[in-house]
Protein backbone atom coordinates (compact mmCIF):
# COMPACT_ATOMS: atom_id res chain seq x y z
CA UNK A 1 41.32 191.29 83.03
CA UNK A 2 45.12 191.12 84.21
CA UNK A 3 43.73 190.67 88.07
CA UNK A 4 41.84 187.76 86.73
CA UNK A 5 44.72 186.10 84.91
CA UNK A 6 47.06 186.57 88.06
CA UNK A 7 44.54 185.10 90.25
CA UNK A 8 44.24 182.06 87.73
CA UNK A 9 48.16 181.76 87.87
CA UNK A 10 48.34 182.03 91.65
CA UNK A 11 45.85 179.33 91.77
CA UNK A 12 47.35 176.99 89.22
CA UNK A 13 50.83 177.49 91.08
CA UNK A 14 49.44 176.63 94.35
CA UNK A 15 47.92 173.31 93.29
CA UNK A 16 50.84 172.24 91.29
CA UNK A 17 53.25 173.10 94.34
CA UNK A 18 51.10 170.82 96.41
CA UNK A 19 49.49 173.49 98.53
CA UNK A 20 46.03 172.60 97.43
CA UNK A 21 46.26 169.11 95.83
CA UNK A 22 44.92 166.12 97.30
CA UNK A 23 46.33 163.30 98.97
CA UNK A 24 48.16 160.64 96.70
CA UNK A 25 46.67 157.43 97.54
CA UNK A 26 49.44 154.70 96.51
CA UNK A 27 48.20 151.51 94.92
CA UNK A 28 50.08 148.17 95.76
CA UNK A 29 52.21 146.83 93.01
CA UNK A 30 50.69 143.43 91.30
CA UNK A 31 53.66 140.72 92.14
CA UNK A 32 55.73 139.42 89.07
CA UNK A 33 54.50 135.84 88.14
CA UNK A 34 57.66 134.01 87.31
CA UNK A 35 56.60 131.06 85.24
CA UNK A 36 58.89 127.64 84.21
CA UNK A 37 58.67 126.19 80.76
CA UNK A 38 60.81 123.15 80.32
CA UNK A 39 61.38 121.08 77.10
CA UNK A 40 62.85 117.54 76.40
CA UNK A 41 65.11 116.25 73.53
CA UNK A 42 66.31 112.68 73.54
CA UNK A 43 69.83 112.94 71.53
CA UNK A 44 70.40 109.39 70.25
CA UNK A 45 73.52 109.72 68.28
CA UNK A 46 76.47 112.13 66.99
CA UNK A 47 75.26 112.07 63.51
CA UNK A 48 74.69 115.42 61.60
CA UNK A 49 71.26 115.20 61.34
CA UNK A 50 71.09 114.62 65.27
CA UNK A 51 73.41 117.73 65.61
CA UNK A 52 71.15 119.61 63.58
CA UNK A 53 68.15 118.46 65.57
CA UNK A 54 69.91 119.45 68.81
CA UNK A 55 70.86 122.91 67.50
CA UNK A 56 66.74 123.70 66.10
CA UNK A 57 65.75 122.24 69.61
CA UNK A 58 67.67 124.52 71.43
CA UNK A 59 66.89 127.68 69.59
CA UNK A 60 63.34 127.01 69.78
CA UNK A 61 63.34 126.14 73.22
CA UNK A 62 65.32 129.24 73.93
CA UNK A 63 62.55 131.56 72.19
CA UNK A 64 65.28 133.78 70.89
CA UNK A 65 66.96 134.00 74.32
CA UNK A 66 70.16 131.45 74.39
CA UNK A 67 71.39 133.34 77.41
CA UNK A 68 68.48 132.88 79.53
CA UNK A 69 68.24 129.21 78.63
CA UNK A 70 69.41 126.55 81.25
CA UNK A 71 70.18 123.09 80.27
CA UNK A 72 70.22 120.01 82.39
CA UNK A 73 71.99 116.80 80.14
CA UNK A 74 71.94 113.29 81.60
CA UNK A 75 72.58 110.16 79.88
CA UNK A 76 75.57 109.17 77.65
CA UNK A 77 79.03 110.95 78.22
CA UNK A 78 79.90 110.94 74.88
CA UNK A 79 76.52 112.27 73.38
CA UNK A 80 76.03 114.80 76.57
CA UNK A 81 79.79 116.35 75.92
CA UNK A 82 78.54 116.67 72.38
CA UNK A 83 75.48 118.78 73.51
CA UNK A 84 77.51 120.78 75.51
CA UNK A 85 79.93 121.43 72.75
CA UNK A 86 76.76 122.35 70.55
CA UNK A 87 75.53 124.53 73.15
CA UNK A 88 78.47 126.65 73.77
CA UNK A 89 79.23 127.03 70.13
CA UNK A 90 75.29 128.50 70.32
CA UNK A 91 76.56 130.86 72.59
CA UNK A 92 74.95 129.20 75.77
CA UNK A 93 76.87 129.97 78.83
CA UNK A 94 78.76 127.30 80.51
CA UNK A 95 77.04 128.61 83.85
CA UNK A 96 73.54 127.69 82.49
CA UNK A 97 74.59 124.05 81.32
CA UNK A 98 74.49 121.08 84.22
CA UNK A 99 75.73 117.53 83.66
CA UNK A 100 73.80 115.44 85.58
CA UNK A 101 73.88 111.77 86.22
CA UNK A 102 76.18 110.38 83.29
CA UNK A 103 75.69 106.51 82.87
CA UNK A 104 76.29 104.09 79.80
CA UNK A 105 73.28 104.24 77.84
CA UNK A 106 72.85 105.42 74.23
CA UNK A 107 70.94 108.37 74.47
CA UNK A 108 71.40 111.46 76.66
CA UNK A 109 68.30 113.64 77.47
CA UNK A 110 68.65 117.23 77.15
CA UNK A 111 66.14 119.18 79.40
CA UNK A 112 65.99 123.05 78.50
CA UNK A 113 64.49 125.29 81.09
CA UNK A 114 63.56 128.67 80.04
CA UNK A 115 61.93 130.96 83.08
CA UNK A 116 59.89 133.76 82.03
CA UNK A 117 58.60 136.60 84.05
CA UNK A 118 55.16 137.86 83.64
CA UNK A 119 55.18 141.59 85.11
CA UNK A 120 52.22 143.43 86.26
CA UNK A 121 50.40 145.84 83.42
CA UNK A 122 51.61 149.25 84.08
CA UNK A 123 48.54 152.05 84.12
CA UNK A 124 49.20 154.60 81.32
CA UNK A 125 49.91 158.10 83.06
CA UNK A 126 48.00 159.58 80.44
CA UNK A 127 44.70 157.56 81.11
CA UNK A 128 41.70 159.93 82.38
CA UNK A 129 41.36 160.21 85.83
CA UNK A 130 38.57 157.88 87.42
CA UNK A 131 38.08 160.27 90.55
CA UNK A 132 39.69 163.36 91.32
CA UNK A 133 40.65 163.01 94.62
CA UNK A 134 43.04 160.11 94.01
CA UNK A 135 45.88 159.75 91.25
CA UNK A 136 47.27 156.08 90.96
CA UNK A 137 51.07 155.81 91.61
CA UNK A 138 52.48 154.52 88.52
CA UNK A 139 56.27 155.92 88.74
CA UNK A 140 58.43 152.79 89.15
CA UNK A 141 56.12 150.46 87.57
CA UNK A 142 57.96 150.70 84.21
CA UNK A 143 61.39 150.20 85.91
CA UNK A 144 60.06 147.02 87.51
CA UNK A 145 58.43 146.03 84.30
CA UNK A 146 61.62 146.21 81.92
CA UNK A 147 64.07 144.69 84.83
CA UNK A 148 61.55 141.50 84.74
CA UNK A 149 61.76 141.18 81.07
CA UNK A 150 65.69 141.45 80.97
CA UNK A 151 66.97 139.45 83.49
CA UNK A 152 68.05 135.76 82.66
CA UNK A 153 66.68 134.43 85.20
CA UNK A 154 63.65 135.85 86.99
CA UNK A 155 63.87 133.86 89.84
CA UNK A 156 66.71 136.28 91.10
CA UNK A 157 63.98 138.79 91.53
CA UNK A 158 62.34 136.62 94.42
CA UNK A 159 65.90 136.12 96.31
CA UNK A 160 69.46 135.24 95.18
CA UNK A 161 70.09 131.77 96.29
CA UNK A 162 73.67 131.58 95.17
CA UNK A 163 74.64 134.30 97.55
CA UNK A 164 74.39 133.77 100.91
CA UNK A 165 74.02 136.30 104.00
CA UNK A 166 77.09 137.30 105.71
CA UNK A 167 78.12 138.81 108.78
CA UNK A 168 78.41 142.50 108.32
CA UNK A 169 81.48 142.59 111.20
CA UNK A 170 83.50 140.01 108.95
CA UNK A 171 83.09 141.88 105.89
CA UNK A 172 84.41 144.89 107.71
CA UNK A 173 87.66 143.25 108.86
CA UNK A 174 89.61 144.39 105.45
CA UNK A 175 88.83 147.89 105.91
CA UNK A 176 89.63 148.00 109.66
CA UNK A 177 93.05 146.36 108.83
CA UNK A 178 93.76 148.74 106.01
CA UNK A 179 92.82 151.86 108.16
CA UNK A 180 95.17 150.21 110.93
CA UNK A 181 97.97 150.17 108.31
CA UNK A 182 97.61 153.65 107.20
CA UNK A 183 97.42 154.92 110.60
CA UNK A 184 100.64 153.29 111.44
CA UNK A 185 102.70 154.23 108.31
CA UNK A 186 101.65 157.76 108.83
CA UNK A 187 102.53 157.85 112.46
CA UNK A 188 106.24 157.12 111.48
């Protein structure tokens, strides 16, 4: 009986250590889909009712994520300035507000843009195996999913347009100067 248990334990240890386990087939990950939702409001005055309408519009357009809302404001400079003021009071970042062509009209057009990421659904680690030869790779899927849901602008996951590529040699110049400075000082 003891010999039989030892044989099973050795076989179990060998299969867990990778000696007898089948090769793992890595499934290609599905891409994260990015969708843009745009809603538009025309602001016609500075009355309290219009300001309240603007605040309700921004709250609904943001879907509870004011930090992820991007605003494009055009039209009357006076109404545009009030829209910017109200947006900042609600917590929308200055970086997410863009004033477009300002002209002497009596209305302001506020375009609220919200980018939504739809990451792929991660398979469960506890699902029954379809066949014993392959194991689906799910590690990292939840990390990609959580990142896509958290970022303010999911387009940054595809490539950041704000930061341009730079030359590595140029970036290393300050380090080289620092090293020369410390070598000169230590030599004295």
